[in-house]
Amino acid sequence: EASGGRAEERSGLEMVYHYFPKLY
């Protein structure tokens, strides 16, 4: 929801899951 449909959302998701593997 915070990405606004940006093209970088996949790399952003990978970063989030890197810090919070439980969320993956």
PDBML (XML) file of the C-alpha atoms, coordinates in Angstrom:
<?xml version="1.0" encoding="UTF-8" ?>
<PDBx:datablock datablockName="MODEL"
   xmlns:PDBx="http://pdbml.pdb.org/schema/pdbx-v50.xsd"
   xmlns:xsi="http://www.w3.org/2001/XMLSchema-instance"
   xsi:schemaLocation="http://pdbml.pdb.org/schema/pdbx-v50.xsd pdbx-v50.xsd">
   <PDBx:atom_siteCategory>
      <PDBx:atom_site id="1">
         <PDBx:B_iso_or_equiv>0.00</PDBx:B_iso_or_equiv>
         <PDBx:Cartn_x>0.000</PDBx:Cartn_x>
         <PDBx:Cartn_y>0.000</PDBx:Cartn_y>
         <PDBx:Cartn_z>0.000</PDBx:Cartn_z>
         <PDBx:auth_asym_id>A</PDBx:auth_asym_id>
         <PDBx:auth_atom_id>CA</PDBx:auth_atom_id>
         <PDBx:auth_comp_id>GLU</PDBx:auth_comp_id>
         <PDBx:auth_seq_id>1</PDBx:auth_seq_id>
         <PDBx:group_PDB>ATOM</PDBx:group_PDB>
         <PDBx:label_alt_id xsi:nil="true" />
         <PDBx:label_asym_id>A</PDBx:label_asym_id>
         <PDBx:label_atom_id>CA</PDBx:label_atom_id>
         <PDBx:label_comp_id>GLU</PDBx:label_comp_id>
         <PDBx:label_entity_id>1</PDBx:label_entity_id>
         <PDBx:label_seq_id>1</PDBx:label_seq_id>
         <PDBx:occupancy>1.00</PDBx:occupancy>
         <PDBx:pdbx_PDB_model_num>1</PDBx:pdbx_PDB_model_num>
         <PDBx:type_symbol>C</PDBx:type_symbol>
      </PDBx:atom_site>
      <PDBx:atom_site id="2">
         <PDBx:B_iso_or_equiv>0.00</PDBx:B_iso_or_equiv>
         <PDBx:Cartn_x>2.904</PDBx:Cartn_x>
         <PDBx:Cartn_y>2.394</PDBx:Cartn_y>
         <PDBx:Cartn_z>0.638</PDBx:Cartn_z>
         <PDBx:auth_asym_id>A</PDBx:auth_asym_id>
         <PDBx:auth_atom_id>CA</PDBx:auth_atom_id>
         <PDBx:auth_comp_id>ALA</PDBx:auth_comp_id>
         <PDBx:auth_seq_id>2</PDBx:auth_seq_id>
         <PDBx:group_PDB>ATOM</PDBx:group_PDB>
         <PDBx:label_alt_id xsi:nil="true" />
         <PDBx:label_asym_id>A</PDBx:label_asym_id>
         <PDBx:label_atom_id>CA</PDBx:label_atom_id>
         <PDBx:label_comp_id>ALA</PDBx:label_comp_id>
         <PDBx:label_entity_id>1</PDBx:label_entity_id>
         <PDBx:label_seq_id>2</PDBx:label_seq_id>
         <PDBx:occupancy>1.00</PDBx:occupancy>
         <PDBx:pdbx_PDB_model_num>1</PDBx:pdbx_PDB_model_num>
         <PDBx:type_symbol>C</PDBx:type_symbol>
      </PDBx:atom_site>
      <PDBx:atom_site id="3">
         <PDBx:B_iso_or_equiv>0.00</PDBx:B_iso_or_equiv>
         <PDBx:Cartn_x>4.638</PDBx:Cartn_x>
         <PDBx:Cartn_y>1.751</PDBx:Cartn_y>
         <PDBx:Cartn_z>-2.683</PDBx:Cartn_z>
         <PDBx:auth_asym_id>A</PDBx:auth_asym_id>
         <PDBx:auth_atom_id>CA</PDBx:auth_atom_id>
         <PDBx:auth_comp_id>SER</PDBx:auth_comp_id>
         <PDBx:auth_seq_id>3</PDBx:auth_seq_id>
         <PDBx:group_PDB>ATOM</PDBx:group_PDB>
         <PDBx:label_alt_id xsi:nil="true" />
         <PDBx:label_asym_id>A</PDBx:label_asym_id>
         <PDBx:label_atom_id>CA</PDBx:label_atom_id>
         <PDBx:label_comp_id>SER</PDBx:label_comp_id>
         <PDBx:label_entity_id>1</PDBx:label_entity_id>
         <PDBx:label_seq_id>3</PDBx:label_seq_id>
         <PDBx:occupancy>1.00</PDBx:occupancy>
         <PDBx:pdbx_PDB_model_num>1</PDBx:pdbx_PDB_model_num>
         <PDBx:type_symbol>C</PDBx:type_symbol>
      </PDBx:atom_site>
      <PDBx:atom_site id="4">
         <PDBx:B_iso_or_equiv>0.00</PDBx:B_iso_or_equiv>
         <PDBx:Cartn_x>2.090</PDBx:Cartn_x>
         <PDBx:Cartn_y>3.627</PDBx:Cartn_y>
         <PDBx:Cartn_z>-4.797</PDBx:Cartn_z>
         <PDBx:auth_asym_id>A</PDBx:auth_asym_id>
         <PDBx:auth_atom_id>CA</PDBx:auth_atom_id>
         <PDBx:auth_comp_id>GLY</PDBx:auth_comp_id>
         <PDBx:auth_seq_id>4</PDBx:auth_seq_id>
         <PDBx:group_PDB>ATOM</PDBx:group_PDB>
         <PDBx:label_alt_id xsi:nil="true" />
         <PDBx:label_asym_id>A</PDBx:label_asym_id>
         <PDBx:label_atom_id>CA</PDBx:label_atom_id>
         <PDBx:label_comp_id>GLY</PDBx:label_comp_id>
         <PDBx:label_entity_id>1</PDBx:label_entity_id>
         <PDBx:label_seq_id>4</PDBx:label_seq_id>
         <PDBx:occupancy>1.00</PDBx:occupancy>
         <PDBx:pdbx_PDB_model_num>1</PDBx:pdbx_PDB_model_num>
         <PDBx:type_symbol>C</PDBx:type_symbol>
      </PDBx:atom_site>
      <PDBx:atom_site id="5">
         <PDBx:B_iso_or_equiv>0.00</PDBx:B_iso_or_equiv>
         <PDBx:Cartn_x>2.599</PDBx:Cartn_x>
         <PDBx:Cartn_y>1.119</PDBx:Cartn_y>
         <PDBx:Cartn_z>-7.588</PDBx:Cartn_z>
         <PDBx:auth_asym_id>A</PDBx:auth_asym_id>
         <PDBx:auth_atom_id>CA</PDBx:auth_atom_id>
         <PDBx:auth_comp_id>GLY</PDBx:auth_comp_id>
         <PDBx:auth_seq_id>5</PDBx:auth_seq_id>
         <PDBx:group_PDB>ATOM</PDBx:group_PDB>
         <PDBx:label_alt_id xsi:nil="true" />
         <PDBx:label_asym_id>A</PDBx:label_asym_id>
         <PDBx:label_atom_id>CA</PDBx:label_atom_id>
         <PDBx:label_comp_id>GLY</PDBx:label_comp_id>
         <PDBx:label_entity_id>1</PDBx:label_entity_id>
         <PDBx:label_seq_id>5</PDBx:label_seq_id>
         <PDBx:occupancy>1.00</PDBx:occupancy>
         <PDBx:pdbx_PDB_model_num>1</PDBx:pdbx_PDB_model_num>
         <PDBx:type_symbol>C</PDBx:type_symbol>
      </PDBx:atom_site>
      <PDBx:atom_site id="6">
         <PDBx:B_iso_or_equiv>0.00</PDBx:B_iso_or_equiv>
         <PDBx:Cartn_x>6.204</PDBx:Cartn_x>
         <PDBx:Cartn_y>2.162</PDBx:Cartn_y>
         <PDBx:Cartn_z>-8.134</PDBx:Cartn_z>
         <PDBx:auth_asym_id>A</PDBx:auth_asym_id>
         <PDBx:auth_atom_id>CA</PDBx:auth_atom_id>
         <PDBx:auth_comp_id>ARG</PDBx:auth_comp_id>
         <PDBx:auth_seq_id>6</PDBx:auth_seq_id>
         <PDBx:group_PDB>ATOM</PDBx:group_PDB>
         <PDBx:label_alt_id xsi:nil="true" />
         <PDBx:label_asym_id>A</PDBx:label_asym_id>
         <PDBx:label_atom_id>CA</PDBx:label_atom_id>
         <PDBx:label_comp_id>ARG</PDBx:label_comp_id>
         <PDBx:label_entity_id>1</PDBx:label_entity_id>
         <PDBx:label_seq_id>6</PDBx:label_seq_id>
         <PDBx:occupancy>1.00</PDBx:occupancy>
         <PDBx:pdbx_PDB_model_num>1</PDBx:pdbx_PDB_model_num>
         <PDBx:type_symbol>C</PDBx:type_symbol>
      </PDBx:atom_site>
      <PDBx:atom_site id="7">
         <PDBx:B_iso_or_equiv>0.00</PDBx:B_iso_or_equiv>
         <PDBx:Cartn_x>8.443</PDBx:Cartn_x>
         <PDBx:Cartn_y>0.043</PDBx:Cartn_y>
         <PDBx:Cartn_z>-10.349</PDBx:Cartn_z>
         <PDBx:auth_asym_id>A</PDBx:auth_asym_id>
         <PDBx:auth_atom_id>CA</PDBx:auth_atom_id>
         <PDBx:auth_comp_id>ALA</PDBx:auth_comp_id>
         <PDBx:auth_seq_id>7</PDBx:auth_seq_id>
         <PDBx:group_PDB>ATOM</PDBx:group_PDB>
         <PDBx:label_alt_id xsi:nil="true" />
         <PDBx:label_asym_id>A</PDBx:label_asym_id>
         <PDBx:label_atom_id>CA</PDBx:label_atom_id>
         <PDBx:label_comp_id>ALA</PDBx:label_comp_id>
         <PDBx:label_entity_id>1</PDBx:label_entity_id>
         <PDBx:label_seq_id>7</PDBx:label_seq_id>
         <PDBx:occupancy>1.00</PDBx:occupancy>
         <PDBx:pdbx_PDB_model_num>1</PDBx:pdbx_PDB_model_num>
         <PDBx:type_symbol>C</PDBx:type_symbol>
      </PDBx:atom_site>
      <PDBx:atom_site id="8">
         <PDBx:B_iso_or_equiv>0.00</PDBx:B_iso_or_equiv>
         <PDBx:Cartn_x>10.807</PDBx:Cartn_x>
         <PDBx:Cartn_y>-0.416</PDBx:Cartn_y>
         <PDBx:Cartn_z>-7.383</PDBx:Cartn_z>
         <PDBx:auth_asym_id>A</PDBx:auth_asym_id>
         <PDBx:auth_atom_id>CA</PDBx:auth_atom_id>
         <PDBx:auth_comp_id>GLU</PDBx:auth_comp_id>
         <PDBx:auth_seq_id>8</PDBx:auth_seq_id>
         <PDBx:group_PDB>ATOM</PDBx:group_PDB>
         <PDBx:label_alt_id xsi:nil="true" />
         <PDBx:label_asym_id>A</PDBx:label_asym_id>
         <PDBx:label_atom_id>CA</PDBx:label_atom_id>
         <PDBx:label_comp_id>GLU</PDBx:label_comp_id>
         <PDBx:label_entity_id>1</PDBx:label_entity_id>
         <PDBx:label_seq_id>8</PDBx:label_seq_id>
         <PDBx:occupancy>1.00</PDBx:occupancy>
         <PDBx:pdbx_PDB_model_num>1</PDBx:pdbx_PDB_model_num>
         <PDBx:type_symbol>C</PDBx:type_symbol>
      </PDBx:atom_site>
      <PDBx:atom_site id="9">
         <PDBx:B_iso_or_equiv>0.00</PDBx:B_iso_or_equiv>
         <PDBx:Cartn_x>8.198</PDBx:Cartn_x>
         <PDBx:Cartn_y>-2.251</PDBx:Cartn_y>
         <PDBx:Cartn_z>-5.324</PDBx:Cartn_z>
         <PDBx:auth_asym_id>A</PDBx:auth_asym_id>
         <PDBx:auth_atom_id>CA</PDBx:auth_atom_id>
         <PDBx:auth_comp_id>GLU</PDBx:auth_comp_id>
         <PDBx:auth_seq_id>9</PDBx:auth_seq_id>
         <PDBx:group_PDB>ATOM</PDBx:group_PDB>
         <PDBx:label_alt_id xsi:nil="true" />
         <PDBx:label_asym_id>A</PDBx:label_asym_id>
         <PDBx:label_atom_id>CA</PDBx:label_atom_id>
         <PDBx:label_comp_id>GLU</PDBx:label_comp_id>
         <PDBx:label_entity_id>1</PDBx:label_entity_id>
         <PDBx:label_seq_id>9</PDBx:label_seq_id>
         <PDBx:occupancy>1.00</PDBx:occupancy>
         <PDBx:pdbx_PDB_model_num>1</PDBx:pdbx_PDB_model_num>
         <PDBx:type_symbol>C</PDBx:type_symbol>
      </PDBx:atom_site>
      <PDBx:atom_site id="10">
         <PDBx:B_iso_or_equiv>0.00</PDBx:B_iso_or_equiv>
         <PDBx:Cartn_x>9.767</PDBx:Cartn_x>
         <PDBx:Cartn_y>-5.686</PDBx:Cartn_y>
         <PDBx:Cartn_z>-5.899</PDBx:Cartn_z>
         <PDBx:auth_asym_id>A</PDBx:auth_asym_id>
         <PDBx:auth_atom_id>CA</PDBx:auth_atom_id>
         <PDBx:auth_comp_id>ARG</PDBx:auth_comp_id>
         <PDBx:auth_seq_id>10</PDBx:auth_seq_id>
         <PDBx:group_PDB>ATOM</PDBx:group_PDB>
         <PDBx:label_alt_id xsi:nil="true" />
         <PDBx:label_asym_id>A</PDBx:label_asym_id>
         <PDBx:label_atom_id>CA</PDBx:label_atom_id>
         <PDBx:label_comp_id>ARG</PDBx:label_comp_id>
         <PDBx:label_entity_id>1</PDBx:label_entity_id>
         <PDBx:label_seq_id>10</PDBx:label_seq_id>
         <PDBx:occupancy>1.00</PDBx:occupancy>
         <PDBx:pdbx_PDB_model_num>1</PDBx:pdbx_PDB_model_num>
         <PDBx:type_symbol>C</PDBx:type_symbol>
      </PDBx:atom_site>
      <PDBx:atom_site id="11">
         <PDBx:B_iso_or_equiv>0.00</PDBx:B_iso_or_equiv>
         <PDBx:Cartn_x>13.163</PDBx:Cartn_x>
         <PDBx:Cartn_y>-4.588</PDBx:Cartn_y>
         <PDBx:Cartn_z>-4.547</PDBx:Cartn_z>
         <PDBx:auth_asym_id>A</PDBx:auth_asym_id>
         <PDBx:auth_atom_id>CA</PDBx:auth_atom_id>
         <PDBx:auth_comp_id>SER</PDBx:auth_comp_id>
         <PDBx:auth_seq_id>11</PDBx:auth_seq_id>
         <PDBx:group_PDB>ATOM</PDBx:group_PDB>
         <PDBx:label_alt_id xsi:nil="true" />
         <PDBx:label_asym_id>A</PDBx:label_asym_id>
         <PDBx:label_atom_id>CA</PDBx:label_atom_id>
         <PDBx:label_comp_id>SER</PDBx:label_comp_id>
         <PDBx:label_entity_id>1</PDBx:label_entity_id>
         <PDBx:label_seq_id>11</PDBx:label_seq_id>
         <PDBx:occupancy>1.00</PDBx:occupancy>
         <PDBx:pdbx_PDB_model_num>1</PDBx:pdbx_PDB_model_num>
         <PDBx:type_symbol>C</PDBx:type_symbol>
      </PDBx:atom_site>
      <PDBx:atom_site id="12">
         <PDBx:B_iso_or_equiv>0.00</PDBx:B_iso_or_equiv>
         <PDBx:Cartn_x>11.336</PDBx:Cartn_x>
         <PDBx:Cartn_y>-2.825</PDBx:Cartn_y>
         <PDBx:Cartn_z>-1.708</PDBx:Cartn_z>
         <PDBx:auth_asym_id>A</PDBx:auth_asym_id>
         <PDBx:auth_atom_id>CA</PDBx:auth_atom_id>
         <PDBx:auth_comp_id>GLY</PDBx:auth_comp_id>
         <PDBx:auth_seq_id>12</PDBx:auth_seq_id>
         <PDBx:group_PDB>ATOM</PDBx:group_PDB>
         <PDBx:label_alt_id xsi:nil="true" />
         <PDBx:label_asym_id>A</PDBx:label_asym_id>
         <PDBx:label_atom_id>CA</PDBx:label_atom_id>
         <PDBx:label_comp_id>GLY</PDBx:label_comp_id>
         <PDBx:label_entity_id>1</PDBx:label_entity_id>
         <PDBx:label_seq_id>12</PDBx:label_seq_id>
         <PDBx:occupancy>1.00</PDBx:occupancy>
         <PDBx:pdbx_PDB_model_num>1</PDBx:pdbx_PDB_model_num>
         <PDBx:type_symbol>C</PDBx:type_symbol>
      </PDBx:atom_site>
      <PDBx:atom_site id="13">
         <PDBx:B_iso_or_equiv>0.00</PDBx:B_iso_or_equiv>
         <PDBx:Cartn_x>9.525</PDBx:Cartn_x>
         <PDBx:Cartn_y>-6.034</PDBx:Cartn_y>
         <PDBx:Cartn_z>-0.820</PDBx:Cartn_z>
         <PDBx:auth_asym_id>A</PDBx:auth_asym_id>
         <PDBx:auth_atom_id>CA</PDBx:auth_atom_id>
         <PDBx:auth_comp_id>LEU</PDBx:auth_comp_id>
         <PDBx:auth_seq_id>13</PDBx:auth_seq_id>
         <PDBx:group_PDB>ATOM</PDBx:group_PDB>
         <PDBx:label_alt_id xsi:nil="true" />
         <PDBx:label_asym_id>A</PDBx:label_asym_id>
         <PDBx:label_atom_id>CA</PDBx:label_atom_id>
         <PDBx:label_comp_id>LEU</PDBx:label_comp_id>
         <PDBx:label_entity_id>1</PDBx:label_entity_id>
         <PDBx:label_seq_id>13</PDBx:label_seq_id>
         <PDBx:occupancy>1.00</PDBx:occupancy>
         <PDBx:pdbx_PDB_model_num>1</PDBx:pdbx_PDB_model_num>
         <PDBx:type_symbol>C</PDBx:type_symbol>
      </PDBx:atom_site>
      <PDBx:atom_site id="14">
         <PDBx:B_iso_or_equiv>0.00</PDBx:B_iso_or_equiv>
         <PDBx:Cartn_x>12.794</PDBx:Cartn_x>
         <PDBx:Cartn_y>-7.956</PDBx:Cartn_y>
         <PDBx:Cartn_z>-0.840</PDBx:Cartn_z>
         <PDBx:auth_asym_id>A</PDBx:auth_asym_id>
         <PDBx:auth_atom_id>CA</PDBx:auth_atom_id>
         <PDBx:auth_comp_id>GLU</PDBx:auth_comp_id>
         <PDBx:auth_seq_id>14</PDBx:auth_seq_id>
         <PDBx:group_PDB>ATOM</PDBx:group_PDB>
         <PDBx:label_alt_id xsi:nil="true" />
         <PDBx:label_asym_id>A</PDBx:label_asym_id>
         <PDBx:label_atom_id>CA</PDBx:label_atom_id>
         <PDBx:label_comp_id>GLU</PDBx:label_comp_id>
         <PDBx:label_entity_id>1</PDBx:label_entity_id>
         <PDBx:label_seq_id>14</PDBx:label_seq_id>
         <PDBx:occupancy>1.00</PDBx:occupancy>
         <PDBx:pdbx_PDB_model_num>1</PDBx:pdbx_PDB_model_num>
         <PDBx:type_symbol>C</PDBx:type_symbol>
      </PDBx:atom_site>
      <PDBx:atom_site id="15">
         <PDBx:B_iso_or_equiv>0.00</PDBx:B_iso_or_equiv>
         <PDBx:Cartn_x>14.252</PDBx:Cartn_x>
         <PDBx:Cartn_y>-5.400</PDBx:Cartn_y>
         <PDBx:Cartn_z>1.585</PDBx:Cartn_z>
         <PDBx:auth_asym_id>A</PDBx:auth_asym_id>
         <PDBx:auth_atom_id>CA</PDBx:auth_atom_id>
         <PDBx:auth_comp_id>MET</PDBx:auth_comp_id>
         <PDBx:auth_seq_id>15</PDBx:auth_seq_id>
         <PDBx:group_PDB>ATOM</PDBx:group_PDB>
         <PDBx:label_alt_id xsi:nil="true" />
         <PDBx:label_asym_id>A</PDBx:label_asym_id>
         <PDBx:label_atom_id>CA</PDBx:label_atom_id>
         <PDBx:label_comp_id>MET</PDBx:label_comp_id>
         <PDBx:label_entity_id>1</PDBx:label_entity_id>
         <PDBx:label_seq_id>15</PDBx:label_seq_id>
         <PDBx:occupancy>1.00</PDBx:occupancy>
         <PDBx:pdbx_PDB_model_num>1</PDBx:pdbx_PDB_model_num>
         <PDBx:type_symbol>C</PDBx:type_symbol>
      </PDBx:atom_site>
      <PDBx:atom_site id="16">
         <PDBx:B_iso_or_equiv>0.00</PDBx:B_iso_or_equiv>
         <PDBx:Cartn_x>11.231</PDBx:Cartn_x>
         <PDBx:Cartn_y>-5.689</PDBx:Cartn_y>
         <PDBx:Cartn_z>3.910</PDBx:Cartn_z>
         <PDBx:auth_asym_id>A</PDBx:auth_asym_id>
         <PDBx:auth_atom_id>CA</PDBx:auth_atom_id>
         <PDBx:auth_comp_id>VAL</PDBx:auth_comp_id>
         <PDBx:auth_seq_id>16</PDBx:auth_seq_id>
         <PDBx:group_PDB>ATOM</PDBx:group_PDB>
         <PDBx:label_alt_id xsi:nil="true" />
         <PDBx:label_asym_id>A</PDBx:label_asym_id>
         <PDBx:label_atom_id>CA</PDBx:label_atom_id>
         <PDBx:label_comp_id>VAL</PDBx:label_comp_id>
         <PDBx:label_entity_id>1</PDBx:label_entity_id>
         <PDBx:label_seq_id>16</PDBx:label_seq_id>
         <PDBx:occupancy>1.00</PDBx:occupancy>
         <PDBx:pdbx_PDB_model_num>1</PDBx:pdbx_PDB_model_num>
         <PDBx:type_symbol>C</PDBx:type_symbol>
      </PDBx:atom_site>
      <PDBx:atom_site id="17">
         <PDBx:B_iso_or_equiv>0.00</PDBx:B_iso_or_equiv>
         <PDBx:Cartn_x>11.426</PDBx:Cartn_x>
         <PDBx:Cartn_y>-9.486</PDBx:Cartn_y>
         <PDBx:Cartn_z>3.883</PDBx:Cartn_z>
         <PDBx:auth_asym_id>A</PDBx:auth_asym_id>
         <PDBx:auth_atom_id>CA</PDBx:auth_atom_id>
         <PDBx:auth_comp_id>TYR</PDBx:auth_comp_id>
         <PDBx:auth_seq_id>17</PDBx:auth_seq_id>
         <PDBx:group_PDB>ATOM</PDBx:group_PDB>
         <PDBx:label_alt_id xsi:nil="true" />
         <PDBx:label_asym_id>A</PDBx:label_asym_id>
         <PDBx:label_atom_id>CA</PDBx:label_atom_id>
         <PDBx:label_comp_id>TYR</PDBx:label_comp_id>
         <PDBx:label_entity_id>1</PDBx:label_entity_id>
         <PDBx:label_seq_id>17</PDBx:label_seq_id>
         <PDBx:occupancy>1.00</PDBx:occupancy>
         <PDBx:pdbx_PDB_model_num>1</PDBx:pdbx_PDB_model_num>
         <PDBx:type_symbol>C</PDBx:type_symbol>
      </PDBx:atom_site>
      <PDBx:atom_site id="18">
         <PDBx:B_iso_or_equiv>0.00</PDBx:B_iso_or_equiv>
         <PDBx:Cartn_x>15.178</PDBx:Cartn_x>
         <PDBx:Cartn_y>-9.278</PDBx:Cartn_y>
         <PDBx:Cartn_z>4.506</PDBx:Cartn_z>
         <PDBx:auth_asym_id>A</PDBx:auth_asym_id>
         <PDBx:auth_atom_id>CA</PDBx:auth_atom_id>
         <PDBx:auth_comp_id>HIS</PDBx:auth_comp_id>
         <PDBx:auth_seq_id>18</PDBx:auth_seq_id>
         <PDBx:group_PDB>ATOM</PDBx:group_PDB>
         <PDBx:label_alt_id xsi:nil="true" />
         <PDBx:label_asym_id>A</PDBx:label_asym_id>
         <PDBx:label_atom_id>CA</PDBx:label_atom_id>
         <PDBx:label_comp_id>HIS</PDBx:label_comp_id>
         <PDBx:label_entity_id>1</PDBx:label_entity_id>
         <PDBx:label_seq_id>18</PDBx:label_seq_id>
         <PDBx:occupancy>1.00</PDBx:occupancy>
         <PDBx:pdbx_PDB_model_num>1</PDBx:pdbx_PDB_model_num>
         <PDBx:type_symbol>C</PDBx:type_symbol>
      </PDBx:atom_site>
      <PDBx:atom_site id="19">
         <PDBx:B_iso_or_equiv>0.00</PDBx:B_iso_or_equiv>
         <PDBx:Cartn_x>14.602</PDBx:Cartn_x>
         <PDBx:Cartn_y>-7.425</PDBx:Cartn_y>
         <PDBx:Cartn_z>7.781</PDBx:Cartn_z>
         <PDBx:auth_asym_id>A</PDBx:auth_asym_id>
         <PDBx:auth_atom_id>CA</PDBx:auth_atom_id>
         <PDBx:auth_comp_id>TYR</PDBx:auth_comp_id>
         <PDBx:auth_seq_id>19</PDBx:auth_seq_id>
         <PDBx:group_PDB>ATOM</PDBx:group_PDB>
         <PDBx:label_alt_id xsi:nil="true" />
         <PDBx:label_asym_id>A</PDBx:label_asym_id>
         <PDBx:label_atom_id>CA</PDBx:label_atom_id>
         <PDBx:label_comp_id>TYR</PDBx:label_comp_id>
         <PDBx:label_entity_id>1</PDBx:label_entity_id>
         <PDBx:label_seq_id>19</PDBx:label_seq_id>
         <PDBx:occupancy>1.00</PDBx:occupancy>
         <PDBx:pdbx_PDB_model_num>1</PDBx:pdbx_PDB_model_num>
         <PDBx:type_symbol>C</PDBx:type_symbol>
      </PDBx:atom_site>
      <PDBx:atom_site id="20">
         <PDBx:B_iso_or_equiv>0.00</PDBx:B_iso_or_equiv>
         <PDBx:Cartn_x>11.377</PDBx:Cartn_x>
         <PDBx:Cartn_y>-9.240</PDBx:Cartn_y>
         <PDBx:Cartn_z>8.654</PDBx:Cartn_z>
         <PDBx:auth_asym_id>A</PDBx:auth_asym_id>
         <PDBx:auth_atom_id>CA</PDBx:auth_atom_id>
         <PDBx:auth_comp_id>PHE</PDBx:auth_comp_id>
         <PDBx:auth_seq_id>20</PDBx:auth_seq_id>
         <PDBx:group_PDB>ATOM</PDBx:group_PDB>
         <PDBx:label_alt_id xsi:nil="true" />
         <PDBx:label_asym_id>A</PDBx:label_asym_id>
         <PDBx:label_atom_id>CA</PDBx:label_atom_id>
         <PDBx:label_comp_id>PHE</PDBx:label_comp_id>
         <PDBx:label_entity_id>1</PDBx:label_entity_id>
         <PDBx:label_seq_id>20</PDBx:label_seq_id>
         <PDBx:occupancy>1.00</PDBx:occupancy>
         <PDBx:pdbx_PDB_model_num>1</PDBx:pdbx_PDB_model_num>
         <PDBx:type_symbol>C</PDBx:type_symbol>
      </PDBx:atom_site>
      <PDBx:atom_site id="21">
         <PDBx:B_iso_or_equiv>0.00</PDBx:B_iso_or_equiv>
         <PDBx:Cartn_x>11.705</PDBx:Cartn_x>
         <PDBx:Cartn_y>-12.817</PDBx:Cartn_y>
         <PDBx:Cartn_z>7.318</PDBx:Cartn_z>
         <PDBx:auth_asym_id>A</PDBx:auth_asym_id>
         <PDBx:auth_atom_id>CA</PDBx:auth_atom_id>
         <PDBx:auth_comp_id>PRO</PDBx:auth_comp_id>
         <PDBx:auth_seq_id>21</PDBx:auth_seq_id>
         <PDBx:group_PDB>ATOM</PDBx:group_PDB>
         <PDBx:label_alt_id xsi:nil="true" />
         <PDBx:label_asym_id>A</PDBx:label_asym_id>
         <PDBx:label_atom_id>CA</PDBx:label_atom_id>
         <PDBx:label_comp_id>PRO</PDBx:label_comp_id>
         <PDBx:label_entity_id>1</PDBx:label_entity_id>
         <PDBx:label_seq_id>21</PDBx:label_seq_id>
         <PDBx:occupancy>1.00</PDBx:occupancy>
         <PDBx:pdbx_PDB_model_num>1</PDBx:pdbx_PDB_model_num>
         <PDBx:type_symbol>C</PDBx:type_symbol>
      </PDBx:atom_site>
      <PDBx:atom_site id="22">
         <PDBx:B_iso_or_equiv>0.00</PDBx:B_iso_or_equiv>
         <PDBx:Cartn_x>8.686</PDBx:Cartn_x>
         <PDBx:Cartn_y>-13.795</PDBx:Cartn_y>
         <PDBx:Cartn_z>9.395</PDBx:Cartn_z>
         <PDBx:auth_asym_id>A</PDBx:auth_asym_id>
         <PDBx:auth_atom_id>CA</PDBx:auth_atom_id>
         <PDBx:auth_comp_id>LYS</PDBx:auth_comp_id>
         <PDBx:auth_seq_id>22</PDBx:auth_seq_id>
         <PDBx:group_PDB>ATOM</PDBx:group_PDB>
         <PDBx:label_alt_id xsi:nil="true" />
         <PDBx:label_asym_id>A</PDBx:label_asym_id>
         <PDBx:label_atom_id>CA</PDBx:label_atom_id>
         <PDBx:label_comp_id>LYS</PDBx:label_comp_id>
         <PDBx:label_entity_id>1</PDBx:label_entity_id>
         <PDBx:label_seq_id>22</PDBx:label_seq_id>
         <PDBx:occupancy>1.00</PDBx:occupancy>
         <PDBx:pdbx_PDB_model_num>1</PDBx:pdbx_PDB_model_num>
         <PDBx:type_symbol>C</PDBx:type_symbol>
      </PDBx:atom_site>
      <PDBx:atom_site id="23">
         <PDBx:B_iso_or_equiv>0.00</PDBx:B_iso_or_equiv>
         <PDBx:Cartn_x>6.559</PDBx:Cartn_x>
         <PDBx:Cartn_y>-11.570</PDBx:Cartn_y>
         <PDBx:Cartn_z>7.148</PDBx:Cartn_z>
         <PDBx:auth_asym_id>A</PDBx:auth_asym_id>
         <PDBx:auth_atom_id>CA</PDBx:auth_atom_id>
         <PDBx:auth_comp_id>LEU</PDBx:auth_comp_id>
         <PDBx:auth_seq_id>23</PDBx:auth_seq_id>
         <PDBx:group_PDB>ATOM</PDBx:group_PDB>
         <PDBx:label_alt_id xsi:nil="true" />
         <PDBx:label_asym_id>A</PDBx:label_asym_id>
         <PDBx:label_atom_id>CA</PDBx:label_atom_id>
         <PDBx:label_comp_id>LEU</PDBx:label_comp_id>
         <PDBx:label_entity_id>1</PDBx:label_entity_id>
         <PDBx:label_seq_id>23</PDBx:label_seq_id>
         <PDBx:occupancy>1.00</PDBx:occupancy>
         <PDBx:pdbx_PDB_model_num>1</PDBx:pdbx_PDB_model_num>
         <PDBx:type_symbol>C</PDBx:type_symbol>
      </PDBx:atom_site>
      <PDBx:atom_site id="24">
         <PDBx:B_iso_or_equiv>0.00</PDBx:B_iso_or_equiv>
         <PDBx:Cartn_x>7.647</PDBx:Cartn_x>
         <PDBx:Cartn_y>-13.547</PDBx:Cartn_y>
         <PDBx:Cartn_z>4.072</PDBx:Cartn_z>
         <PDBx:auth_asym_id>A</PDBx:auth_asym_id>
         <PDBx:auth_atom_id>CA</PDBx:auth_atom_id>
         <PDBx:auth_comp_id>TYR</PDBx:auth_comp_id>
         <PDBx:auth_seq_id>24</PDBx:auth_seq_id>
         <PDBx:group_PDB>ATOM</PDBx:group_PDB>
         <PDBx:label_alt_id xsi:nil="true" />
         <PDBx:label_asym_id>A</PDBx:label_asym_id>
         <PDBx:label_atom_id>CA</PDBx:label_atom_id>
         <PDBx:label_comp_id>TYR</PDBx:label_comp_id>
         <PDBx:label_entity_id>1</PDBx:label_entity_id>
         <PDBx:label_seq_id>24</PDBx:label_seq_id>
         <PDBx:occupancy>1.00</PDBx:occupancy>
         <PDBx:pdbx_PDB_model_num>1</PDBx:pdbx_PDB_model_num>
         <PDBx:type_symbol>C</PDBx:type_symbol>
      </PDBx:atom_site>
   </PDBx:atom_siteCategory>
</PDBx:datablock>
